[in-house]
Every structure is written in structure tokens, then in C-alpha cells.
């Protein structure tokens, strides 16, 4: 899906990332009971750990002289967060809408490039 010219980048769905989540079902996190041996306390957890696959996005194209290019984004950068929220929480269509939401709006990305995490910030601007 191509993003509007206000950002100057094209994002692509590039596989999945494993996300760890906890399920509690409104039960206490731990219960405490005393073992048959005096002084021994046993804790039982009611939380469940679950893993799910969520989409990950990479930058597939960067338009020359666009806000994203001037901020230093490069093809192949893995987008980790958008405005401090994990990128996998968004659908590609939601990201497209966000990146075309209005001239002057600031976009903050955390990306990974060659194993290094970088914070990138740019303002949306209409580019012809």
C-alpha cells in the first residue's frame, strides 16, 4: 500500500513478530497457601502467558527530498513504534491514514536498522 506524499515513504508488510501477552481472567495474580511443612509458603500463579504473531512493517521506498528522507529513513528500516505505540497494533490502512492526517503533524518513529534502534522524527508536508 502506498502512503501519501506527506510522509514520502512506502511501507510494506514484512512477515510477523512474536508478541508475548498475559491473560489473567480477572483472577488474583497469585494465591498463597501454607505447605504441610511449617514455615513453607507456596504461591500459585493464575496468569497465563500467551504468544501471538503480529505484523511487522518495513520501509519499502523513500521518496527523495521528502520529510522521511530528510529525517534519515532508509529502505529496509524496520518500523518498531509509531508515535510511541507498537507498530504491530496498527493495520497498514491505519498507518496510511495517520501519515496523511495533516500537514505539519509530527510523526515519531522508532526503527531498527542493522540491529541498531534509532528514533526518527519528521513533520508531514505536502510534497509534489
Protein backbone atom coordinates (compact mmCIF):
# COMPACT_ATOMS: atom_id res chain seq x y z
CA UNK A 1 0.00 0.00 0.00
CA UNK A 2 1.41 3.36 -0.95
CA UNK A 3 1.38 6.13 1.61
CA UNK A 4 0.52 9.69 0.56
CA UNK A 5 3.24 12.12 -0.36
CA UNK A 6 3.04 13.89 3.03
CA UNK A 7 5.46 11.35 4.53
CA UNK A 8 7.39 10.33 1.44
CA UNK A 9 7.64 6.64 2.32
CA UNK A 10 6.07 3.39 1.21
CA UNK A 11 5.58 0.79 3.94
CA UNK A 12 5.25 -2.92 3.31
CA UNK A 13 4.03 -5.77 5.47
CA UNK A 14 7.16 -7.87 6.04
CA UNK A 15 6.39 -11.02 7.95
CA UNK A 16 5.41 -11.28 11.59
CA UNK A 17 6.83 -10.61 15.01
CA UNK A 18 6.18 -12.76 18.10
CA UNK A 19 4.43 -10.78 20.84
CA UNK A 20 4.22 -12.03 24.43
CA UNK A 21 0.95 -11.29 26.23
CA UNK A 22 -0.56 -12.17 29.60
CA UNK A 23 -4.06 -13.48 30.23
CA UNK A 24 -5.46 -13.02 33.74
CA UNK A 25 -9.27 -13.58 33.52
CA UNK A 26 -9.80 -11.18 36.47
CA UNK A 27 -8.44 -13.71 38.95
CA UNK A 28 -5.81 -12.88 41.54
CA UNK A 29 -2.31 -12.93 40.12
CA UNK A 30 -1.07 -15.21 42.91
CA UNK A 31 -2.65 -17.19 45.72
CA UNK A 32 -0.81 -18.12 48.84
CA UNK A 33 -1.08 -21.37 50.75
CA UNK A 34 0.89 -22.89 53.56
CA UNK A 35 2.50 -26.24 52.88
CA UNK A 36 2.29 -29.18 55.28
CA UNK A 37 5.77 -28.21 56.42
CA UNK A 38 5.64 -25.33 58.83
CA UNK A 39 7.05 -22.10 57.51
CA UNK A 40 6.88 -23.06 53.81
CA UNK A 41 4.62 -20.83 51.73
CA UNK A 42 3.60 -21.88 48.22
CA UNK A 43 2.50 -19.34 45.62
CA UNK A 44 0.34 -20.38 42.68
CA UNK A 45 0.03 -18.14 39.63
CA UNK A 46 -3.30 -17.82 37.80
CA UNK A 47 -1.94 -15.78 34.92
CA UNK A 48 -1.33 -17.40 31.56
CA UNK A 49 1.36 -16.34 29.14
CA UNK A 50 0.37 -16.46 25.51
CA UNK A 51 2.27 -15.68 22.35
CA UNK A 52 0.78 -14.31 19.16
CA UNK A 53 2.02 -13.34 15.73
CA UNK A 54 1.53 -9.70 14.80
CA UNK A 55 2.53 -7.94 11.57
CA UNK A 56 5.78 -6.09 11.18
CA UNK A 57 6.41 -3.31 8.70
CA UNK A 58 9.47 -2.21 6.78
CA UNK A 59 10.15 0.84 4.69
CA UNK A 60 9.99 -0.34 1.08
CA UNK A 61 10.57 3.00 -0.63
CA UNK A 62 11.69 6.51 0.34
CA UNK A 63 10.88 9.44 -1.95
CA UNK A 64 13.91 11.76 -2.44
CA UNK A 65 13.71 15.11 -0.61
CA UNK A 66 10.58 14.02 1.30
CA UNK A 67 10.20 14.65 5.04
CA UNK A 68 11.06 10.99 5.75
CA UNK A 69 14.16 11.08 3.52
CA UNK A 70 15.37 14.33 5.09
CA UNK A 71 14.87 12.75 8.56
CA UNK A 72 17.17 9.89 7.54
CA UNK A 73 14.80 6.98 6.92
CA UNK A 74 16.12 4.31 4.54
CA UNK A 75 14.72 1.39 2.57
CA UNK A 76 14.78 -1.73 4.75
CA UNK A 77 14.30 0.07 8.08
CA UNK A 78 12.04 -1.98 10.37
CA UNK A 79 9.34 0.18 11.96
CA UNK A 80 9.06 -0.71 15.68
CA UNK A 81 6.86 2.11 17.02
CA UNK A 82 4.79 4.95 15.62
CA UNK A 83 4.20 7.85 17.99
CA UNK A 84 5.32 5.64 20.91
CA UNK A 85 2.82 2.86 20.13
CA UNK A 86 3.97 -0.53 18.82
CA UNK A 87 3.61 -0.62 15.03
CA UNK A 88 2.02 -4.10 15.14
CA UNK A 89 -1.01 -2.53 16.85
CA UNK A 90 -1.88 -0.82 13.57
CA UNK A 91 -3.21 -2.09 10.28
CA UNK A 92 -1.44 -0.78 7.20
CA UNK A 93 -4.54 1.24 6.29
CA UNK A 94 -4.47 2.95 9.72
CA UNK A 95 -0.82 3.90 9.25
CA UNK A 96 -1.61 5.30 5.81
CA UNK A 97 -4.37 7.44 7.26
CA UNK A 98 -2.10 8.63 10.08
CA UNK A 99 0.67 9.57 7.64
CA UNK A 100 -1.80 11.66 5.61
CA UNK A 101 -3.59 13.19 8.59
CA UNK A 102 -2.47 16.75 8.03
CA UNK A 103 0.38 18.95 7.03
CA UNK A 104 2.58 19.95 9.95
CA UNK A 105 1.72 16.93 12.11
CA UNK A 106 4.78 15.39 13.77
CA UNK A 107 5.43 11.67 13.32
CA UNK A 108 7.82 9.90 15.69
CA UNK A 109 9.17 6.51 14.63
CA UNK A 110 11.42 4.06 16.39
CA UNK A 111 13.11 1.96 13.75
CA UNK A 112 15.69 -0.80 13.70
CA UNK A 113 18.46 -0.60 11.12
CA UNK A 114 21.18 -3.27 11.03
CA UNK A 115 20.33 -4.30 14.60
CA UNK A 116 20.53 -0.73 15.94
CA UNK A 117 17.46 1.07 17.31
CA UNK A 118 17.01 4.68 16.14
CA UNK A 119 14.48 7.39 16.96
CA UNK A 120 13.36 9.38 13.91
CA UNK A 121 11.07 12.39 13.88
CA UNK A 122 9.63 14.33 10.95
CA UNK A 123 6.72 16.60 10.10
CA UNK A 124 4.19 15.76 7.42
CA UNK A 125 4.48 18.06 4.45
CA UNK A 126 2.79 18.09 1.08
CA UNK A 127 5.41 17.07 -1.48
CA UNK A 128 4.73 17.15 -5.21
